Amino acid sequence: MSFTKSHALDTSKKLKTRPRKQNLPRLEVREVRDGPHLIQQIWCNGRFVNQFGIKHASRRDNSHGWVARDLELSPHRMYEFAICQMTVDEMIEHFAARGFLELPETFLL
């Protein structure tokens, strides 16, 4: 199954949810229009973490495979996140492991 615009929109929505683990910080997603894309900027505690683009003129079933590459996840893991088999907690921990996000010691597991 390919990662579609619909999955990208679900990913953006899911990134905004509160983590289940109380020791993890909450992510903020800001949408910025940039030509043919709606850029989803991911922020945490006032610091930029990462971003990915969603083509706003495309159909919901069009492929958006670059989202996984932009967030440095395998296509399979990106799809799992979009369909709720990977939690926002795991995504925050992924960002920290990749160096996109620094967790203060109180957040470390």
C-alpha atoms as a PDB file:
ATOM      1  CA  MET A   1       0.000   0.000   0.000  1.00  0.00           C
ATOM      2  CA  SER A   2       1.358   3.432  -0.878  1.00  0.00           C
ATOM      3  CA  PHE A   3       1.440   6.382   1.482  1.00  0.00           C
ATOM      4  CA  THR A   4      -1.198   8.809   0.179  1.00  0.00           C
ATOM      5  CA  LYS A   5      -2.266  12.411   0.741  1.00  0.00           C
ATOM      6  CA  SER A   6      -4.960  11.077   3.052  1.00  0.00           C
ATOM      7  CA  HIS A   7      -2.258   9.363   5.163  1.00  0.00           C
ATOM      8  CA  ALA A   8      -0.192  12.578   5.189  1.00  0.00           C
ATOM      9  CA  LEU A   9      -3.197  14.542   6.482  1.00  0.00           C
ATOM     10  CA  ASP A  10      -3.800  11.858   9.142  1.00  0.00           C
ATOM     11  CA  THR A  11      -0.123  12.073  10.126  1.00  0.00           C
ATOM     12  CA  SER A  12      -0.351  15.843  10.594  1.00  0.00           C
ATOM     13  CA  LYS A  13      -3.468  15.462  12.739  1.00  0.00           C
ATOM     14  CA  LYS A  14      -1.961  12.654  14.808  1.00  0.00           C
ATOM     15  CA  LEU A  15       1.258  14.599  15.492  1.00  0.00           C
ATOM     16  CA  LYS A  16      -0.887  17.187  17.298  1.00  0.00           C
ATOM     17  CA  THR A  17      -2.200  14.664  19.845  1.00  0.00           C
ATOM     18  CA  ARG A  18      -0.990  14.576  23.425  1.00  0.00           C
ATOM     19  CA  PRO A  19       1.555  11.824  24.198  1.00  0.00           C
ATOM     20  CA  ARG A  20       0.361   9.084  26.534  1.00  0.00           C
ATOM     21  CA  LYS A  21       3.591   9.145  28.536  1.00  0.00           C
ATOM     22  CA  GLN A  22       3.395  12.210  30.739  1.00  0.00           C
ATOM     23  CA  ASN A  23       7.169  12.641  30.690  1.00  0.00           C
ATOM     24  CA  LEU A  24       7.191  13.365  26.914  1.00  0.00           C
ATOM     25  CA  PRO A  25       6.637  16.877  25.521  1.00  0.00           C
ATOM     26  CA  ARG A  26       3.749  17.680  23.209  1.00  0.00           C
ATOM     27  CA  LEU A  27       4.418  18.480  19.538  1.00  0.00           C
ATOM     28  CA  GLU A  28       2.917  21.456  17.718  1.00  0.00           C
ATOM     29  CA  VAL A  29       2.231  21.397  13.965  1.00  0.00           C
ATOM     30  CA  ARG A  30       2.100  24.690  12.082  1.00  0.00           C
ATOM     31  CA  GLU A  31       0.789  24.798   8.524  1.00  0.00           C
ATOM     32  CA  VAL A  32       2.582  27.120   6.108  1.00  0.00           C
ATOM     33  CA  ARG A  33       1.509  27.571   2.477  1.00  0.00           C
ATOM     34  CA  ASP A  34       4.463  27.326   0.090  1.00  0.00           C
ATOM     35  CA  GLY A  35       3.480  27.276  -3.588  1.00  0.00           C
ATOM     36  CA  PRO A  36       1.869  23.933  -4.442  1.00  0.00           C
ATOM     37  CA  HIS A  37       2.516  22.522  -0.961  1.00  0.00           C
ATOM     38  CA  LEU A  38       1.077  22.959   2.487  1.00  0.00           C
ATOM     39  CA  ILE A  39       4.176  22.613   4.666  1.00  0.00           C
ATOM     40  CA  GLN A  40       3.609  20.887   8.005  1.00  0.00           C
ATOM     41  CA  GLN A  41       6.236  22.317  10.372  1.00  0.00           C
ATOM     42  CA  ILE A  42       6.737  20.294  13.539  1.00  0.00           C
ATOM     43  CA  TRP A  43       7.731  22.234  16.663  1.00  0.00           C
ATOM     44  CA  CYS A  44       8.435  21.198  20.249  1.00  0.00           C
ATOM     45  CA  ASN A  45       8.894  23.597  23.157  1.00  0.00           C
ATOM     46  CA  GLY A  46       9.335  26.526  20.752  1.00  0.00           C
ATOM     47  CA  ARG A  47      12.030  24.792  18.683  1.00  0.00           C
ATOM     48  CA  PHE A  48      11.735  23.629  15.079  1.00  0.00           C
ATOM     49  CA  VAL A  49      11.951  19.809  14.802  1.00  0.00           C
ATOM     50  CA  ASN A  50      11.236  18.867  11.170  1.00  0.00           C
ATOM     51  CA  GLN A  51       8.776  19.405   8.317  1.00  0.00           C
ATOM     52  CA  PHE A  52       7.045  17.700   5.424  1.00  0.00           C
ATOM     53  CA  GLY A  53       4.905  18.905   2.540  1.00  0.00           C
ATOM     54  CA  ILE A  54       1.403  17.987   1.422  1.00  0.00           C
ATOM     55  CA  LYS A  55       0.350  18.883  -2.127  1.00  0.00           C
ATOM     56  CA  HIS A  56      -2.846  20.839  -1.515  1.00  0.00           C
ATOM     57  CA  ALA A  57      -4.174  20.503  -5.075  1.00  0.00           C
ATOM     58  CA  SER A  58      -3.752  16.733  -5.356  1.00  0.00           C
ATOM     59  CA  ARG A  59      -6.393  14.056  -4.835  1.00  0.00           C
ATOM     60  CA  ARG A  60      -6.505  12.283  -1.465  1.00  0.00           C
ATOM     61  CA  ASP A  61      -5.369   9.004  -3.040  1.00  0.00           C
ATOM     62  CA  ASN A  62      -2.236  10.485  -4.697  1.00  0.00           C
ATOM     63  CA  SER A  63       1.088   9.189  -3.423  1.00  0.00           C
ATOM     64  CA  HIS A  64       2.980  11.265  -0.830  1.00  0.00           C
ATOM     65  CA  GLY A  65       5.905   8.866  -0.387  1.00  0.00           C
ATOM     66  CA  TRP A  66       8.395  11.648   0.342  1.00  0.00           C
ATOM     67  CA  VAL A  67       6.877  12.220   3.801  1.00  0.00           C
ATOM     68  CA  ALA A  68       8.635   9.108   5.154  1.00  0.00           C
ATOM     69  CA  ARG A  69      11.944  10.279   3.675  1.00  0.00           C
ATOM     70  CA  ASP A  70      11.519  13.790   5.107  1.00  0.00           C
ATOM     71  CA  LEU A  71      10.825  12.401   8.591  1.00  0.00           C
ATOM     72  CA  GLU A  72      13.579   9.762   8.243  1.00  0.00           C
ATOM     73  CA  LEU A  73      11.258   6.803   8.720  1.00  0.00           C
ATOM     74  CA  SER A  74      10.899   3.722   6.586  1.00  0.00           C
ATOM     75  CA  PRO A  75       7.792   3.803   4.364  1.00  0.00           C
ATOM     76  CA  HIS A  76       6.415   0.894   6.408  1.00  0.00           C
ATOM     77  CA  ARG A  77       6.833   2.732   9.757  1.00  0.00           C
ATOM     78  CA  MET A  78       5.365   5.915   8.276  1.00  0.00           C
ATOM     79  CA  TYR A  79       2.303   3.973   7.140  1.00  0.00           C
ATOM     80  CA  GLU A  80       2.034   2.371  10.612  1.00  0.00           C
ATOM     81  CA  PHE A  81       2.018   5.827  12.193  1.00  0.00           C
ATOM     82  CA  ALA A  82      -0.697   7.058   9.827  1.00  0.00           C
ATOM     83  CA  ILE A  83      -2.971   4.080  10.596  1.00  0.00           C
ATOM     84  CA  CYS A  84      -2.325   4.247  14.373  1.00  0.00           C
ATOM     85  CA  GLN A  85      -0.059   1.211  14.748  1.00  0.00           C
ATOM     86  CA  MET A  86       2.767   3.525  15.860  1.00  0.00           C
ATOM     87  CA  THR A  87       2.065   6.034  18.645  1.00  0.00           C
ATOM     88  CA  VAL A  88       2.895   9.717  18.866  1.00  0.00           C
ATOM     89  CA  ASP A  89       5.119   8.739  21.827  1.00  0.00           C
ATOM     90  CA  GLU A  90       7.152   6.506  19.500  1.00  0.00           C
ATOM     91  CA  MET A  91       7.371   9.331  16.949  1.00  0.00           C
ATOM     92  CA  ILE A  92       8.684  11.759  19.590  1.00  0.00           C
ATOM     93  CA  GLU A  93      11.245   9.154  20.661  1.00  0.00           C
ATOM     94  CA  HIS A  94      12.179   8.661  16.971  1.00  0.00           C
ATOM     95  CA  PHE A  95      12.751  12.411  16.561  1.00  0.00           C
ATOM     96  CA  ALA A  96      14.948  12.410  19.674  1.00  0.00           C
ATOM     97  CA  ALA A  97      16.943   9.374  18.471  1.00  0.00           C
ATOM     98  CA  ARG A  98      17.535  11.068  15.084  1.00  0.00           C
ATOM     99  CA  GLY A  99      18.723  14.260  16.763  1.00  0.00           C
ATOM    100  CA  PHE A 100      15.794  16.391  15.539  1.00  0.00           C
ATOM    101  CA  LEU A 101      14.648  16.971  19.084  1.00  0.00           C
ATOM    102  CA  GLU A 102      16.467  17.189  22.394  1.00  0.00           C
ATOM    103  CA  LEU A 103      14.658  15.787  25.389  1.00  0.00           C
ATOM    104  CA  PRO A 104      15.671  17.198  28.775  1.00  0.00           C
ATOM    105  CA  GLU A 105      16.740  14.529  31.267  1.00  0.00           C
ATOM    106  CA  THR A 106      13.285  14.581  32.829  1.00  0.00           C
ATOM    107  CA  PHE A 107      11.926  13.284  29.512  1.00  0.00           C
ATOM    108  CA  LEU A 108      14.481  10.539  28.974  1.00  0.00           C
ATOM    109  CA  LEU A 109      13.214   6.999  29.403  1.00  0.00           C
END
